[in-house]
């Protein structure tokens, strides 16, 4: 089964995982606790040992929208904002009790540069491809098609995240998601 975050399928990041586990500080986050708040310059990066995180933004009317997830055996952080020294455009919030091995961004940069330019470019290219495909799906797929794709590739998502978070990620209301789920069951 494909990884939810496609960059995990595109690049062997096991050395980074091993580095985070060996050198990272163990951090626990309760549901709703922020790993990174919108507007803050990211100072840490981590490997998610258990639980999950949701990446959120706020709309102009103040509503929270889910724009991504990091699950167990994935990474959490905002590399680009850290490298640019700018505040993060999104918050990263624990969706349930979660455990992370966190390293400083300086340690991440030292690790990545020690692996060479090809590794660094590979990470950026894999991240870009992941986000570009999500962006394109928002425009090329209807809500029903997007839901069907998500459920086909990641059926465990329905048991992992609350339906309101899945609806937000898909850019639809929870009521619309309920209709899509019902339609999908009758097929």
N, C-alpha and C. Protein backbone atom coordinates (compact mmCIF):
# COMPACT_ATOMS: atom_id res chain seq x y z
N UNK A 1 0.84 -1.18 0.00
CA UNK A 1 0.00 0.00 0.00
C UNK A 1 0.89 1.25 0.00
N UNK A 2 0.49 2.23 -0.76
CA UNK A 2 1.25 3.47 -0.85
C UNK A 2 1.20 4.22 0.48
N UNK A 3 2.25 4.95 0.75
CA UNK A 3 2.31 5.79 1.94
C UNK A 3 1.39 6.99 1.73
N UNK A 4 0.79 7.50 2.80
CA UNK A 4 -0.06 8.68 2.70
C UNK A 4 0.75 9.86 2.18
N UNK A 5 1.94 10.05 2.70
CA UNK A 5 2.84 11.09 2.21
C UNK A 5 3.79 10.44 1.21
N UNK A 6 3.55 10.71 -0.05
CA UNK A 6 4.23 10.02 -1.15
C UNK A 6 5.74 10.14 -1.11
N UNK A 7 6.28 11.17 -0.48
CA UNK A 7 7.74 11.30 -0.43
C UNK A 7 8.37 10.09 0.25
N UNK A 8 7.62 9.39 1.11
CA UNK A 8 8.14 8.19 1.76
C UNK A 8 8.34 7.04 0.78
N UNK A 9 7.56 7.05 -0.31
CA UNK A 9 7.71 6.04 -1.36
C UNK A 9 8.77 6.44 -2.38
N UNK A 10 9.08 7.72 -2.45
CA UNK A 10 9.98 8.23 -3.48
C UNK A 10 11.45 8.23 -3.08
N UNK A 11 11.72 8.14 -1.79
CA UNK A 11 13.08 8.32 -1.30
C UNK A 11 13.31 7.44 -0.08
N UNK A 12 14.47 6.82 -0.01
CA UNK A 12 14.82 6.03 1.17
C UNK A 12 15.28 6.98 2.28
N UNK A 13 14.41 7.19 3.25
CA UNK A 13 14.73 8.08 4.36
C UNK A 13 15.08 7.32 5.64
N UNK A 14 15.35 6.02 5.51
CA UNK A 14 15.68 5.24 6.71
C UNK A 14 16.91 5.77 7.44
N UNK A 15 17.94 6.29 6.76
CA UNK A 15 19.06 6.87 7.52
C UNK A 15 18.62 8.07 8.38
N UNK A 16 17.68 8.85 7.88
CA UNK A 16 17.16 9.97 8.65
C UNK A 16 16.37 9.48 9.85
N UNK A 17 15.55 8.45 9.63
CA UNK A 17 14.80 7.85 10.74
C UNK A 17 15.77 7.38 11.82
N UNK A 18 16.80 6.64 11.40
CA UNK A 18 17.78 6.12 12.36
C UNK A 18 18.49 7.24 13.10
N UNK A 19 18.80 8.33 12.40
CA UNK A 19 19.45 9.48 13.01
C UNK A 19 18.55 10.12 14.06
N UNK A 20 17.27 10.28 13.72
CA UNK A 20 16.32 10.87 14.67
C UNK A 20 16.16 9.99 15.91
N UNK A 21 16.07 8.69 15.70
CA UNK A 21 15.90 7.78 16.83
C UNK A 21 17.14 7.79 17.72
N UNK A 22 18.32 7.79 17.11
CA UNK A 22 19.57 7.75 17.88
C UNK A 22 19.88 9.08 18.56
N UNK A 23 19.51 10.19 17.95
CA UNK A 23 19.93 11.50 18.45
C UNK A 23 18.80 12.39 18.94
N UNK A 24 17.58 12.00 18.68
CA UNK A 24 16.45 12.86 19.03
C UNK A 24 16.02 12.72 20.48
N UNK A 25 15.45 13.79 20.98
CA UNK A 25 14.88 13.74 22.33
C UNK A 25 13.44 13.22 22.21
N UNK A 26 13.08 12.38 23.15
CA UNK A 26 11.75 11.79 23.16
C UNK A 26 10.76 12.84 23.67
N UNK A 27 9.74 13.10 22.87
CA UNK A 27 8.72 14.07 23.26
C UNK A 27 7.35 13.43 23.11
N UNK A 28 6.49 13.71 24.09
CA UNK A 28 5.12 13.23 24.04
C UNK A 28 4.19 14.42 23.90
N UNK A 29 3.17 14.26 23.07
CA UNK A 29 2.20 15.31 22.82
C UNK A 29 0.82 14.75 23.08
N UNK A 30 0.04 15.47 23.85
CA UNK A 30 -1.35 15.10 24.06
C UNK A 30 -2.17 15.59 22.88
N UNK A 31 -3.33 14.99 22.69
CA UNK A 31 -4.23 15.40 21.63
C UNK A 31 -4.47 16.91 21.75
N UNK A 32 -4.31 17.60 20.62
CA UNK A 32 -4.54 19.04 20.58
C UNK A 32 -3.32 19.89 20.89
N UNK A 33 -2.24 19.27 21.33
CA UNK A 33 -1.02 20.01 21.65
C UNK A 33 -0.24 20.31 20.37
N UNK A 34 0.32 21.51 20.30
CA UNK A 34 1.04 21.95 19.10
C UNK A 34 2.48 21.47 19.08
N UNK A 35 2.88 20.93 17.97
CA UNK A 35 4.29 20.67 17.69
C UNK A 35 4.91 21.95 17.14
N UNK A 36 4.13 22.66 16.35
CA UNK A 36 4.56 23.93 15.75
C UNK A 36 3.32 24.80 15.59
N UNK A 37 3.44 26.05 15.99
CA UNK A 37 2.33 26.99 15.83
C UNK A 37 2.54 27.86 14.59
N UNK A 38 1.46 28.11 13.89
CA UNK A 38 1.49 28.99 12.73
C UNK A 38 2.15 30.32 13.11
N UNK A 39 3.08 30.76 12.28
CA UNK A 39 3.77 32.02 12.53
C UNK A 39 5.12 31.85 13.20
N UNK A 40 5.35 30.70 13.85
CA UNK A 40 6.63 30.46 14.51
C UNK A 40 7.65 29.94 13.50
N UNK A 41 8.91 30.34 13.68
CA UNK A 41 9.99 29.79 12.87
C UNK A 41 10.30 28.39 13.42
N UNK A 42 10.23 27.36 12.59
CA UNK A 42 10.47 25.99 13.07
C UNK A 42 11.89 25.82 13.59
N UNK A 43 12.01 25.22 14.75
CA UNK A 43 13.31 24.99 15.38
C UNK A 43 13.63 23.50 15.55
N UNK A 44 12.63 22.64 15.25
CA UNK A 44 12.83 21.20 15.44
C UNK A 44 12.13 20.42 14.33
N UNK A 45 12.56 19.20 14.22
CA UNK A 45 12.08 18.27 13.20
C UNK A 45 12.03 16.91 13.87
N UNK A 46 11.06 16.08 13.54
CA UNK A 46 10.98 14.82 14.26
C UNK A 46 10.49 13.64 13.46
N UNK A 47 10.72 12.48 14.03
CA UNK A 47 10.22 11.20 13.51
C UNK A 47 9.08 10.77 14.43
N UNK A 48 7.91 10.53 13.85
CA UNK A 48 6.73 10.16 14.62
C UNK A 48 6.79 8.66 14.93
N UNK A 49 6.95 8.34 16.21
CA UNK A 49 6.98 6.93 16.61
C UNK A 49 5.57 6.37 16.78
N UNK A 50 4.65 7.18 17.27
CA UNK A 50 3.26 6.74 17.42
C UNK A 50 2.34 7.95 17.40
N UNK A 51 1.08 7.69 17.08
CA UNK A 51 0.11 8.76 16.99
C UNK A 51 0.11 9.39 15.61
N UNK A 52 -0.43 10.59 15.53
CA UNK A 52 -0.41 11.33 14.27
C UNK A 52 -0.55 12.81 14.54
N UNK A 53 -0.16 13.59 13.54
CA UNK A 53 -0.26 15.05 13.59
C UNK A 53 -1.04 15.52 12.39
N UNK A 54 -1.79 16.59 12.59
CA UNK A 54 -2.49 17.23 11.48
C UNK A 54 -1.87 18.60 11.26
N UNK A 55 -1.72 18.95 9.99
CA UNK A 55 -1.22 20.26 9.59
C UNK A 55 -2.46 21.11 9.31
N UNK A 56 -2.55 22.26 9.95
CA UNK A 56 -3.74 23.09 9.81
C UNK A 56 -3.39 24.53 9.44
N UNK A 57 -4.35 25.18 8.78
CA UNK A 57 -4.28 26.61 8.50
C UNK A 57 -5.62 27.21 8.89
N UNK A 58 -5.63 28.51 9.00
CA UNK A 58 -6.89 29.19 9.30
C UNK A 58 -7.33 29.99 8.07
N UNK A 59 -8.61 29.89 7.79
CA UNK A 59 -9.18 30.64 6.67
C UNK A 59 -9.34 32.11 7.08
N UNK A 60 -9.67 32.96 6.14
CA UNK A 60 -9.84 34.38 6.44
C UNK A 60 -10.97 34.62 7.43
N UNK A 61 -11.93 33.70 7.51
CA UNK A 61 -13.01 33.86 8.49
C UNK A 61 -12.72 33.14 9.81
N UNK A 62 -11.48 32.62 9.95
CA UNK A 62 -11.05 32.03 11.22
C UNK A 62 -11.27 30.54 11.37
N UNK A 63 -11.86 29.89 10.38
CA UNK A 63 -12.09 28.45 10.47
C UNK A 63 -10.76 27.70 10.29
N UNK A 64 -10.63 26.59 10.99
CA UNK A 64 -9.43 25.75 10.86
C UNK A 64 -9.65 24.74 9.75
N UNK A 65 -8.64 24.59 8.89
CA UNK A 65 -8.69 23.61 7.81
C UNK A 65 -7.49 22.68 7.92
N UNK A 66 -7.72 21.41 7.72
CA UNK A 66 -6.65 20.41 7.72
C UNK A 66 -6.08 20.32 6.31
N UNK A 67 -4.76 20.48 6.20
CA UNK A 67 -4.12 20.45 4.88
C UNK A 67 -3.18 19.25 4.71
N UNK A 68 -2.96 18.50 5.78
CA UNK A 68 -2.08 17.34 5.67
C UNK A 68 -1.98 16.61 6.99
N UNK A 69 -1.34 15.44 6.92
CA UNK A 69 -1.16 14.60 8.10
C UNK A 69 0.25 14.01 8.11
N UNK A 70 0.75 13.72 9.29
CA UNK A 70 1.96 12.89 9.47
C UNK A 70 1.58 11.79 10.44
N UNK A 71 1.71 10.55 10.00
CA UNK A 71 1.33 9.40 10.81
C UNK A 71 2.57 8.71 11.40
N UNK A 72 2.36 7.64 12.14
CA UNK A 72 3.46 6.86 12.68
C UNK A 72 4.41 6.45 11.56
N UNK A 73 5.69 6.42 11.87
CA UNK A 73 6.74 6.08 10.91
C UNK A 73 6.87 7.12 9.79
N UNK A 74 6.54 8.34 10.11
CA UNK A 74 6.67 9.46 9.18
C UNK A 74 7.40 10.59 9.92
N UNK A 75 7.55 11.69 9.26
CA UNK A 75 8.30 12.81 9.82
C UNK A 75 7.35 13.98 10.05
N UNK A 76 7.74 14.84 10.98
CA UNK A 76 6.91 15.99 11.31
C UNK A 76 7.81 17.22 11.40
N UNK A 77 7.37 18.30 10.76
CA UNK A 77 8.14 19.53 10.80
C UNK A 77 7.87 20.36 9.56
N UNK A 78 8.53 21.51 9.50
CA UNK A 78 8.40 22.42 8.37
C UNK A 78 9.80 22.84 7.96
N UNK A 79 10.40 22.04 7.11
CA UNK A 79 11.79 22.25 6.71
C UNK A 79 11.94 23.58 5.96
N UNK A 80 11.04 23.85 5.01
CA UNK A 80 11.20 25.04 4.18
C UNK A 80 11.16 26.32 4.98
N UNK A 81 10.20 26.45 5.89
CA UNK A 81 10.13 27.67 6.70
C UNK A 81 11.38 27.82 7.55
N UNK A 82 11.89 26.71 8.05
CA UNK A 82 13.11 26.78 8.85
C UNK A 82 14.29 27.26 8.02
N UNK A 83 14.46 26.68 6.83
CA UNK A 83 15.57 27.08 5.97
C UNK A 83 15.48 28.54 5.56
N UNK A 84 14.25 29.01 5.34
CA UNK A 84 14.05 30.40 4.92
C UNK A 84 14.04 31.37 6.11
N UNK A 85 13.95 30.82 7.32
CA UNK A 85 13.90 31.67 8.51
C UNK A 85 12.61 32.45 8.63
N UNK A 86 11.54 31.90 8.06
CA UNK A 86 10.24 32.56 8.10
C UNK A 86 9.29 31.80 9.00
N UNK A 87 8.25 32.49 9.43
CA UNK A 87 7.23 31.83 10.23
C UNK A 87 6.48 30.80 9.41
N UNK A 88 6.12 29.72 10.05
CA UNK A 88 5.39 28.65 9.38
C UNK A 88 4.01 29.14 8.96
N UNK A 89 3.59 28.70 7.80
CA UNK A 89 2.26 29.05 7.30
C UNK A 89 1.18 28.17 7.93
N UNK A 90 1.59 27.08 8.59
CA UNK A 90 0.64 26.13 9.15
C UNK A 90 1.01 25.79 10.59
N UNK A 91 0.04 25.32 11.32
CA UNK A 91 0.28 24.74 12.64
C UNK A 91 0.35 23.24 12.49
N UNK A 92 1.09 22.59 13.37
CA UNK A 92 1.16 21.13 13.39
C UNK A 92 0.68 20.70 14.77
N UNK A 93 -0.43 19.96 14.81
CA UNK A 93 -1.14 19.66 16.05
C UNK A 93 -1.32 18.15 16.19
N UNK A 94 -1.07 17.64 17.39
CA UNK A 94 -1.26 16.22 17.64
C UNK A 94 -2.75 15.88 17.52
N UNK A 95 -3.04 14.87 16.70
CA UNK A 95 -4.42 14.42 16.53
C UNK A 95 -4.85 13.45 17.60
N UNK A 96 -3.89 12.87 18.26
CA UNK A 96 -4.10 11.99 19.42
C UNK A 96 -2.79 11.98 20.18
N UNK A 97 -2.75 11.28 21.28
CA UNK A 97 -1.50 11.20 22.03
C UNK A 97 -0.43 10.65 21.10
N UNK A 98 0.69 11.37 20.99
CA UNK A 98 1.71 11.04 20.00
C UNK A 98 3.10 11.12 20.62
N UNK A 99 3.99 10.30 20.09
CA UNK A 99 5.38 10.27 20.55
C UNK A 99 6.28 10.56 19.36
N UNK A 100 7.22 11.49 19.57
CA UNK A 100 8.12 11.94 18.51
C UNK A 100 9.55 11.93 19.02
N UNK A 101 10.48 11.58 18.14
CA UNK A 101 11.91 11.75 18.40
C UNK A 101 12.32 13.02 17.66
N UNK A 102 12.54 14.10 18.38
CA UNK A 102 12.84 15.40 17.77
C UNK A 102 14.31 15.72 17.82
N UNK A 103 14.77 16.32 16.72
CA UNK A 103 16.12 16.86 16.64
C UNK A 103 16.00 18.34 16.30
N UNK A 104 17.04 19.09 16.56
CA UNK A 104 17.02 20.50 16.19
C UNK A 104 17.13 20.61 14.67
N UNK A 105 16.66 21.71 14.15
CA UNK A 105 16.79 21.93 12.70
C UNK A 105 18.27 22.01 12.31
N UNK A 106 19.11 22.51 13.20
CA UNK A 106 20.55 22.55 12.92
C UNK A 106 21.09 21.14 12.75
N UNK A 107 20.65 20.22 13.61
CA UNK A 107 21.08 18.82 13.47
C UNK A 107 20.57 18.21 12.18
N UNK A 108 19.33 18.56 11.80
CA UNK A 108 18.78 18.05 10.55
C UNK A 108 19.61 18.56 9.37
N UNK A 109 19.93 19.83 9.37
CA UNK A 109 20.71 20.41 8.27
C UNK A 109 22.10 19.78 8.21
N UNK A 110 22.74 19.60 9.37
CA UNK A 110 24.05 18.96 9.40
C UNK A 110 23.97 17.54 8.85
N UNK A 111 22.93 16.80 9.27
CA UNK A 111 22.76 15.43 8.78
C UNK A 111 22.58 15.42 7.26
N UNK A 112 21.66 16.26 6.77
CA UNK A 112 21.34 16.28 5.34
C UNK A 112 22.57 16.67 4.51
N UNK A 113 23.31 17.68 4.96
CA UNK A 113 24.48 18.10 4.17
C UNK A 113 25.57 17.05 4.22
N UNK A 114 25.64 16.28 5.32
CA UNK A 114 26.63 15.20 5.38
C UNK A 114 26.31 14.09 4.38
N UNK A 115 25.04 13.99 3.99
CA UNK A 115 24.61 12.98 3.01
C UNK A 115 24.86 13.45 1.58
N UNK A 116 25.12 14.73 1.40
CA UNK A 116 25.46 15.24 0.08
C UNK A 116 24.33 15.96 -0.62
N UNK A 117 24.70 16.67 -1.65
CA UNK A 117 23.76 17.48 -2.41
C UNK A 117 22.65 16.65 -3.03
N UNK A 118 23.00 15.45 -3.53
CA UNK A 118 21.99 14.59 -4.17
C UNK A 118 20.88 14.25 -3.17
N UNK A 119 21.23 13.97 -1.92
CA UNK A 119 20.24 13.65 -0.90
C UNK A 119 19.35 14.88 -0.64
N UNK A 120 19.98 16.03 -0.47
CA UNK A 120 19.23 17.26 -0.17
C UNK A 120 18.27 17.60 -1.30
N UNK A 121 18.74 17.53 -2.54
CA UNK A 121 17.88 17.81 -3.69
C UNK A 121 16.78 16.76 -3.78
N UNK A 122 17.12 15.52 -3.49
CA UNK A 122 16.12 14.44 -3.52
C UNK A 122 15.00 14.68 -2.53
N UNK A 123 15.34 15.13 -1.33
CA UNK A 123 14.32 15.43 -0.32
C UNK A 123 13.41 16.55 -0.82
N UNK A 124 13.98 17.62 -1.30
CA UNK A 124 13.18 18.74 -1.79
C UNK A 124 12.31 18.32 -2.97
N UNK A 125 12.87 17.54 -3.89
CA UNK A 125 12.11 17.09 -5.06
C UNK A 125 10.96 16.18 -4.64
N UNK A 126 11.20 15.29 -3.70
CA UNK A 126 10.15 14.38 -3.23
C UNK A 126 9.05 15.15 -2.51
N UNK A 127 9.43 16.12 -1.69
CA UNK A 127 8.43 16.95 -1.00
C UNK A 127 7.61 17.74 -2.03
N UNK A 128 8.28 18.33 -3.00
CA UNK A 128 7.59 19.11 -4.02
C UNK A 128 6.60 18.24 -4.79
N UNK A 129 7.04 17.06 -5.20
CA UNK A 129 6.14 16.17 -5.96
C UNK A 129 4.93 15.78 -5.12
N UNK A 130 5.14 15.50 -3.84
CA UNK A 130 4.03 15.15 -2.95
C UNK A 130 3.01 16.28 -2.89
N UNK A 131 3.49 17.50 -2.65
CA UNK A 131 2.58 18.63 -2.52
C UNK A 131 1.96 19.03 -3.85
N UNK A 132 2.71 18.92 -4.93
CA UNK A 132 2.16 19.25 -6.24
C UNK A 132 1.02 18.30 -6.59
N UNK A 133 1.20 17.00 -6.35
CA UNK A 133 0.14 16.05 -6.66
C UNK A 133 -1.11 16.31 -5.83
N UNK A 134 -0.94 16.69 -4.56
CA UNK A 134 -2.11 17.04 -3.74
C UNK A 134 -2.82 18.27 -4.31
N UNK A 135 -2.04 19.26 -4.69
CA UNK A 135 -2.61 20.48 -5.26
C UNK A 135 -3.37 20.16 -6.54
N UNK A 136 -2.76 19.37 -7.41
CA UNK A 136 -3.42 19.01 -8.66
C UNK A 136 -4.70 18.22 -8.41
N UNK A 137 -4.68 17.30 -7.44
CA UNK A 137 -5.89 16.53 -7.12
C UNK A 137 -7.02 17.44 -6.67
N UNK A 138 -6.70 18.51 -5.95
CA UNK A 138 -7.74 19.45 -5.52
C UNK A 138 -8.43 20.08 -6.72
N UNK A 139 -7.73 20.21 -7.83
CA UNK A 139 -8.29 20.87 -9.00
C UNK A 139 -8.79 19.91 -10.07
N UNK A 140 -8.21 18.72 -10.15
CA UNK A 140 -8.60 17.83 -11.24
C UNK A 140 -9.64 16.78 -10.82
N UNK A 141 -9.83 16.60 -9.53
CA UNK A 141 -10.79 15.60 -9.06
C UNK A 141 -11.99 16.27 -8.41
N UNK A 142 -13.15 15.69 -8.64
CA UNK A 142 -14.34 16.15 -7.91
C UNK A 142 -14.20 15.68 -6.46
N UNK A 143 -15.06 16.18 -5.59
CA UNK A 143 -15.02 15.75 -4.19
C UNK A 143 -15.22 14.24 -4.08
N UNK A 144 -16.14 13.71 -4.88
CA UNK A 144 -16.41 12.26 -4.85
C UNK A 144 -15.19 11.47 -5.33
N UNK A 145 -14.54 11.95 -6.39
CA UNK A 145 -13.35 11.27 -6.91
C UNK A 145 -12.19 11.37 -5.92
N UNK A 146 -12.03 12.52 -5.30
CA UNK A 146 -10.95 12.70 -4.32
C UNK A 146 -11.16 11.78 -3.13
N UNK A 147 -12.39 11.71 -2.62
CA UNK A 147 -12.71 10.80 -1.52
C UNK A 147 -12.43 9.36 -1.92
N UNK A 148 -12.90 8.96 -3.11
CA UNK A 148 -12.68 7.58 -3.57
C UNK A 148 -11.20 7.26 -3.67
N UNK A 149 -10.40 8.19 -4.16
CA UNK A 149 -8.96 7.97 -4.27
C UNK A 149 -8.33 7.80 -2.89
N UNK A 150 -8.70 8.66 -1.98
CA UNK A 150 -8.14 8.60 -0.62
C UNK A 150 -8.49 7.26 0.02
N UNK A 151 -9.75 6.85 -0.07
CA UNK A 151 -10.19 5.61 0.57
C UNK A 151 -9.59 4.38 -0.12
N UNK A 152 -9.43 4.44 -1.44
CA UNK A 152 -8.82 3.33 -2.16
C UNK A 152 -7.36 3.13 -1.75
N UNK A 153 -6.61 4.23 -1.66
CA UNK A 153 -5.19 4.14 -1.36
C UNK A 153 -4.89 4.04 0.13
N UNK A 154 -5.73 4.64 0.98
CA UNK A 154 -5.46 4.67 2.42
C UNK A 154 -6.74 4.38 3.21
N UNK A 155 -7.30 3.16 3.07
CA UNK A 155 -8.58 2.85 3.74
C UNK A 155 -8.50 2.97 5.26
N UNK A 156 -7.31 2.80 5.83
CA UNK A 156 -7.17 2.90 7.28
C UNK A 156 -7.38 4.31 7.81
N UNK A 157 -7.40 5.28 6.91
CA UNK A 157 -7.62 6.66 7.31
C UNK A 157 -8.96 6.82 8.03
N UNK A 158 -9.97 6.06 7.60
CA UNK A 158 -11.29 6.16 8.24
C UNK A 158 -11.25 5.71 9.71
N UNK A 159 -10.32 4.85 10.06
CA UNK A 159 -10.20 4.41 11.44
C UNK A 159 -9.17 5.24 12.22
N UNK A 160 -8.38 6.03 11.52
CA UNK A 160 -7.29 6.75 12.16
C UNK A 160 -7.66 8.18 12.53
N UNK A 161 -8.29 8.88 11.62
CA UNK A 161 -8.60 10.30 11.87
C UNK A 161 -10.12 10.48 11.99
N UNK A 162 -10.54 11.45 12.80
CA UNK A 162 -11.98 11.74 12.89
C UNK A 162 -12.52 12.18 11.54
N UNK A 163 -13.77 11.88 11.27
CA UNK A 163 -14.36 12.21 9.98
C UNK A 163 -14.35 13.71 9.70
N UNK A 164 -14.48 14.54 10.73
CA UNK A 164 -14.46 15.99 10.49
C UNK A 164 -13.08 16.44 9.99
N UNK A 165 -12.00 15.76 10.46
CA UNK A 165 -10.66 16.09 9.95
C UNK A 165 -10.49 15.62 8.52
N UNK A 166 -11.02 14.44 8.20
CA UNK A 166 -10.96 13.94 6.83
C UNK A 166 -11.75 14.85 5.90
N UNK A 167 -12.94 15.27 6.34
CA UNK A 167 -13.74 16.19 5.53
C UNK A 167 -12.98 17.49 5.29
N UNK A 168 -12.37 18.02 6.32
CA UNK A 168 -11.60 19.26 6.18
C UNK A 168 -10.46 19.07 5.20
N UNK A 169 -9.74 17.96 5.31
CA UNK A 169 -8.64 17.66 4.39
C UNK A 169 -9.13 17.61 2.95
N UNK A 170 -10.31 17.03 2.74
CA UNK A 170 -10.88 16.92 1.40
C UNK A 170 -11.50 18.23 0.91
N UNK A 171 -11.64 19.19 1.81
CA UNK A 171 -12.21 20.48 1.44
C UNK A 171 -13.72 20.45 1.31
N UNK A 172 -14.37 19.56 2.07
CA UNK A 172 -15.83 19.45 2.04
C UNK A 172 -16.37 19.50 3.46
N UNK A 173 -17.67 19.61 3.59
CA UNK A 173 -18.28 19.62 4.92
C UNK A 173 -18.44 18.18 5.42
N UNK A 174 -18.55 18.00 6.74
CA UNK A 174 -18.80 16.66 7.27
C UNK A 174 -20.09 16.04 6.71
N UNK A 175 -21.10 16.86 6.45
CA UNK A 175 -22.36 16.36 5.89
C UNK A 175 -22.12 15.82 4.48
N UNK A 176 -21.35 16.55 3.68
CA UNK A 176 -21.03 16.09 2.33
C UNK A 176 -20.24 14.78 2.40
N UNK A 177 -19.30 14.69 3.34
CA UNK A 177 -18.53 13.46 3.51
C UNK A 177 -19.46 12.30 3.87
N UNK A 178 -20.43 12.53 4.73
CA UNK A 178 -21.39 11.47 5.09
C UNK A 178 -22.14 10.98 3.87
N UNK A 179 -22.53 11.92 3.00
CA UNK A 179 -23.23 11.53 1.76
C UNK A 179 -22.32 10.70 0.86
N UNK A 180 -21.07 11.14 0.72
CA UNK A 180 -20.12 10.39 -0.12
C UNK A 180 -19.87 8.99 0.44
N UNK A 181 -19.75 8.89 1.74
CA UNK A 181 -19.54 7.57 2.36
C UNK A 181 -20.75 6.67 2.11
N UNK A 182 -21.93 7.23 2.26
CA UNK A 182 -23.16 6.45 2.03
C UNK A 182 -23.23 5.99 0.58
N UNK A 183 -22.95 6.90 -0.37
CA UNK A 183 -22.95 6.55 -1.79
C UNK A 183 -21.92 5.47 -2.09
N UNK A 184 -20.78 5.57 -1.46
CA UNK A 184 -19.70 4.60 -1.68
C UNK A 184 -20.08 3.23 -1.16
N UNK A 185 -20.82 3.16 -0.06
CA UNK A 185 -21.26 1.88 0.50
C UNK A 185 -22.29 1.20 -0.37
N UNK A 186 -23.12 1.98 -1.09
CA UNK A 186 -24.17 1.39 -1.92
C UNK A 186 -23.67 0.92 -3.27
N UNK A 187 -22.44 1.23 -3.61
CA UNK A 187 -21.89 0.82 -4.92
C UNK A 187 -21.47 -0.63 -4.90
